[in-house]
Amino acid sequence: METVFSLILMFTAITLIVVLLLQARGSGSSLFGESSGTFRSRRGVERMLFRITIVLAVVFVSVAIANVRFS
């Protein structure tokens, strides 16, 4: 059972890293905390990546807790 949790954690972590890198690539030129000064709402792919990030983070934490609990 522990190997199943470990494999799920690895897959989730890699997927989460890829999704976060895709978000950072599309963020524009706001490096080092610079603010663009305008409010933008998320649309299309950006909104989907944001929601996928939240779901993957919840899955990652849940599986990590289950791994500790059942090992």
N, C-alpha and C. Protein backbone atom coordinates (compact mmCIF):
# COMPACT_ATOMS: atom_id res chain seq x y z
N MET A 1 0.82 -1.20 0.00
CA MET A 1 0.00 0.00 0.00
C MET A 1 0.87 1.27 0.00
N GLU A 2 2.00 1.16 0.69
CA GLU A 2 2.89 2.32 0.76
C GLU A 2 3.47 2.68 -0.60
N THR A 3 3.74 1.69 -1.43
CA THR A 3 4.28 1.97 -2.76
C THR A 3 3.24 2.64 -3.65
N VAL A 4 1.98 2.29 -3.46
CA VAL A 4 0.91 2.93 -4.23
C VAL A 4 0.82 4.41 -3.88
N PHE A 5 0.87 4.70 -2.57
CA PHE A 5 0.83 6.10 -2.14
C PHE A 5 2.05 6.85 -2.66
N SER A 6 3.21 6.21 -2.63
CA SER A 6 4.43 6.87 -3.12
C SER A 6 4.35 7.18 -4.61
N LEU A 7 3.83 6.24 -5.37
CA LEU A 7 3.68 6.47 -6.81
C LEU A 7 2.68 7.60 -7.09
N ILE A 8 1.57 7.61 -6.36
CA ILE A 8 0.57 8.67 -6.55
C ILE A 8 1.18 10.02 -6.16
N LEU A 9 1.95 10.06 -5.07
CA LEU A 9 2.60 11.31 -4.66
C LEU A 9 3.58 11.81 -5.71
N MET A 10 4.38 10.90 -6.27
CA MET A 10 5.34 11.31 -7.29
C MET A 10 4.64 11.85 -8.53
N PHE A 11 3.62 11.14 -8.99
CA PHE A 11 2.88 11.58 -10.18
C PHE A 11 2.22 12.94 -9.93
N THR A 12 1.60 13.09 -8.75
CA THR A 12 0.93 14.35 -8.43
C THR A 12 1.93 15.48 -8.32
N ALA A 13 3.08 15.23 -7.70
CA ALA A 13 4.10 16.26 -7.55
C ALA A 13 4.65 16.72 -8.90
N ILE A 14 4.94 15.78 -9.78
CA ILE A 14 5.45 16.13 -11.10
C ILE A 14 4.41 16.92 -11.90
N THR A 15 3.16 16.47 -11.84
CA THR A 15 2.09 17.18 -12.55
C THR A 15 1.89 18.58 -11.99
N LEU A 16 1.95 18.71 -10.66
CA LEU A 16 1.80 20.01 -10.03
C LEU A 16 2.93 20.96 -10.43
N ILE A 17 4.15 20.46 -10.51
CA ILE A 17 5.28 21.28 -10.93
C ILE A 17 5.10 21.76 -12.37
N VAL A 18 4.67 20.87 -13.24
CA VAL A 18 4.45 21.24 -14.64
C VAL A 18 3.37 22.31 -14.76
N VAL A 19 2.27 22.14 -14.04
CA VAL A 19 1.18 23.12 -14.11
C VAL A 19 1.64 24.47 -13.55
N LEU A 20 2.41 24.47 -12.47
CA LEU A 20 2.91 25.73 -11.92
C LEU A 20 3.88 26.41 -12.88
N LEU A 21 4.71 25.64 -13.55
CA LEU A 21 5.62 26.23 -14.53
C LEU A 21 4.86 26.80 -15.73
N LEU A 22 3.79 26.16 -16.13
CA LEU A 22 2.98 26.70 -17.21
C LEU A 22 2.32 28.01 -16.80
N GLN A 23 1.92 28.12 -15.54
CA GLN A 23 1.34 29.38 -15.06
C GLN A 23 2.39 30.47 -15.02
N ALA A 24 3.58 30.16 -14.56
CA ALA A 24 4.65 31.16 -14.46
C ALA A 24 5.06 31.64 -15.84
N ARG A 25 5.03 30.75 -16.83
CA ARG A 25 5.42 31.14 -18.19
C ARG A 25 4.42 32.13 -18.77
N GLY A 26 3.16 32.00 -18.45
CA GLY A 26 2.14 32.87 -19.00
C GLY A 26 1.88 34.12 -18.20
N SER A 27 2.68 34.36 -17.15
CA SER A 27 2.39 35.48 -16.26
C SER A 27 2.86 36.83 -16.80
N GLY A 28 3.67 36.85 -17.81
CA GLY A 28 4.11 38.12 -18.37
C GLY A 28 5.40 38.60 -17.74
N SER A 29 5.54 39.92 -17.58
CA SER A 29 6.80 40.48 -17.12
C SER A 29 6.75 40.94 -15.67
N SER A 30 5.99 40.31 -14.84
CA SER A 30 5.90 40.72 -13.45
C SER A 30 6.89 39.95 -12.59
N LEU A 31 8.18 40.15 -12.87
CA LEU A 31 9.23 39.47 -12.12
C LEU A 31 9.55 40.24 -10.85
N PHE A 32 9.98 39.53 -9.85
CA PHE A 32 10.45 40.09 -8.59
C PHE A 32 9.42 40.99 -7.92
N GLY A 33 8.16 40.61 -8.00
CA GLY A 33 7.11 41.33 -7.30
C GLY A 33 6.64 42.61 -7.93
N GLU A 34 7.05 42.88 -9.14
CA GLU A 34 6.58 44.09 -9.81
C GLU A 34 5.09 43.98 -10.09
N SER A 35 4.39 45.05 -9.91
CA SER A 35 2.95 45.05 -10.16
C SER A 35 2.66 45.77 -11.47
N SER A 36 1.73 45.21 -12.22
CA SER A 36 1.39 45.84 -13.49
C SER A 36 0.44 47.01 -13.30
N GLY A 37 -0.20 47.11 -12.13
CA GLY A 37 -1.06 48.25 -11.86
C GLY A 37 -2.47 48.10 -12.36
N THR A 38 -2.78 47.04 -13.07
CA THR A 38 -4.14 46.82 -13.55
C THR A 38 -4.66 45.49 -13.04
N PHE A 39 -5.96 45.40 -12.91
CA PHE A 39 -6.60 44.17 -12.46
C PHE A 39 -7.01 43.36 -13.67
N ARG A 40 -6.59 42.10 -13.68
CA ARG A 40 -6.96 41.20 -14.77
C ARG A 40 -7.68 40.00 -14.19
N SER A 41 -8.75 39.61 -14.80
CA SER A 41 -9.42 38.38 -14.36
C SER A 41 -8.89 37.22 -15.19
N ARG A 42 -8.93 36.05 -14.58
CA ARG A 42 -8.46 34.85 -15.28
C ARG A 42 -9.51 34.40 -16.27
N ARG A 43 -9.06 34.06 -17.46
CA ARG A 43 -9.98 33.58 -18.49
C ARG A 43 -9.37 32.40 -19.23
N GLY A 44 -10.22 31.53 -19.69
CA GLY A 44 -9.79 30.43 -20.56
C GLY A 44 -8.81 29.48 -19.91
N VAL A 45 -7.68 29.32 -20.58
CA VAL A 45 -6.67 28.37 -20.15
C VAL A 45 -6.08 28.76 -18.80
N GLU A 46 -5.92 30.05 -18.57
CA GLU A 46 -5.35 30.53 -17.30
C GLU A 46 -6.24 30.13 -16.12
N ARG A 47 -7.55 30.25 -16.28
CA ARG A 47 -8.49 29.84 -15.24
C ARG A 47 -8.45 28.33 -15.02
N MET A 48 -8.35 27.57 -16.12
CA MET A 48 -8.30 26.12 -16.01
C MET A 48 -7.02 25.69 -15.28
N LEU A 49 -5.88 26.30 -15.61
CA LEU A 49 -4.63 25.96 -14.93
C LEU A 49 -4.70 26.31 -13.45
N PHE A 50 -5.34 27.41 -13.11
CA PHE A 50 -5.49 27.81 -11.72
C PHE A 50 -6.31 26.79 -10.94
N ARG A 51 -7.40 26.34 -11.52
CA ARG A 51 -8.26 25.35 -10.85
C ARG A 51 -7.57 23.99 -10.75
N ILE A 52 -6.84 23.60 -11.80
CA ILE A 52 -6.11 22.34 -11.76
C ILE A 52 -5.04 22.38 -10.67
N THR A 53 -4.40 23.54 -10.49
CA THR A 53 -3.40 23.69 -9.45
C THR A 53 -4.00 23.48 -8.07
N ILE A 54 -5.16 24.05 -7.84
CA ILE A 54 -5.83 23.88 -6.55
C ILE A 54 -6.19 22.42 -6.31
N VAL A 55 -6.75 21.77 -7.31
CA VAL A 55 -7.15 20.36 -7.17
C VAL A 55 -5.92 19.48 -6.92
N LEU A 56 -4.85 19.70 -7.67
CA LEU A 56 -3.64 18.90 -7.49
C LEU A 56 -3.01 19.13 -6.12
N ALA A 57 -3.04 20.35 -5.62
CA ALA A 57 -2.49 20.63 -4.29
C ALA A 57 -3.30 19.90 -3.21
N VAL A 58 -4.62 19.91 -3.34
CA VAL A 58 -5.47 19.21 -2.37
C VAL A 58 -5.23 17.71 -2.44
N VAL A 59 -5.13 17.17 -3.65
CA VAL A 59 -4.87 15.73 -3.81
C VAL A 59 -3.51 15.38 -3.22
N PHE A 60 -2.50 16.20 -3.47
CA PHE A 60 -1.16 15.94 -2.96
C PHE A 60 -1.15 15.91 -1.43
N VAL A 61 -1.74 16.89 -0.81
CA VAL A 61 -1.77 16.94 0.66
C VAL A 61 -2.58 15.77 1.22
N SER A 62 -3.70 15.46 0.60
CA SER A 62 -4.54 14.35 1.07
C SER A 62 -3.81 13.01 0.99
N VAL A 63 -3.13 12.77 -0.12
CA VAL A 63 -2.40 11.51 -0.28
C VAL A 63 -1.22 11.47 0.69
N ALA A 64 -0.56 12.59 0.92
CA ALA A 64 0.55 12.63 1.87
C ALA A 64 0.06 12.30 3.29
N ILE A 65 -1.07 12.86 3.67
CA ILE A 65 -1.64 12.56 4.99
C ILE A 65 -2.05 11.09 5.07
N ALA A 66 -2.68 10.58 4.02
CA ALA A 66 -3.08 9.17 4.01
C ALA A 66 -1.86 8.25 4.06
N ASN A 67 -0.79 8.64 3.40
CA ASN A 67 0.44 7.86 3.41
C ASN A 67 1.01 7.77 4.82
N VAL A 68 1.02 8.86 5.54
CA VAL A 68 1.52 8.87 6.91
C VAL A 68 0.57 8.09 7.82
N ARG A 69 -0.70 8.26 7.61
CA ARG A 69 -1.70 7.62 8.46
C ARG A 69 -1.70 6.11 8.33
N PHE A 70 -1.57 5.59 7.11
CA PHE A 70 -1.69 4.15 6.87
C PHE A 70 -0.36 3.42 6.76
N SER A 71 0.75 4.11 6.96
CA SER A 71 2.03 3.40 6.88
C SER A 71 2.56 3.04 8.25
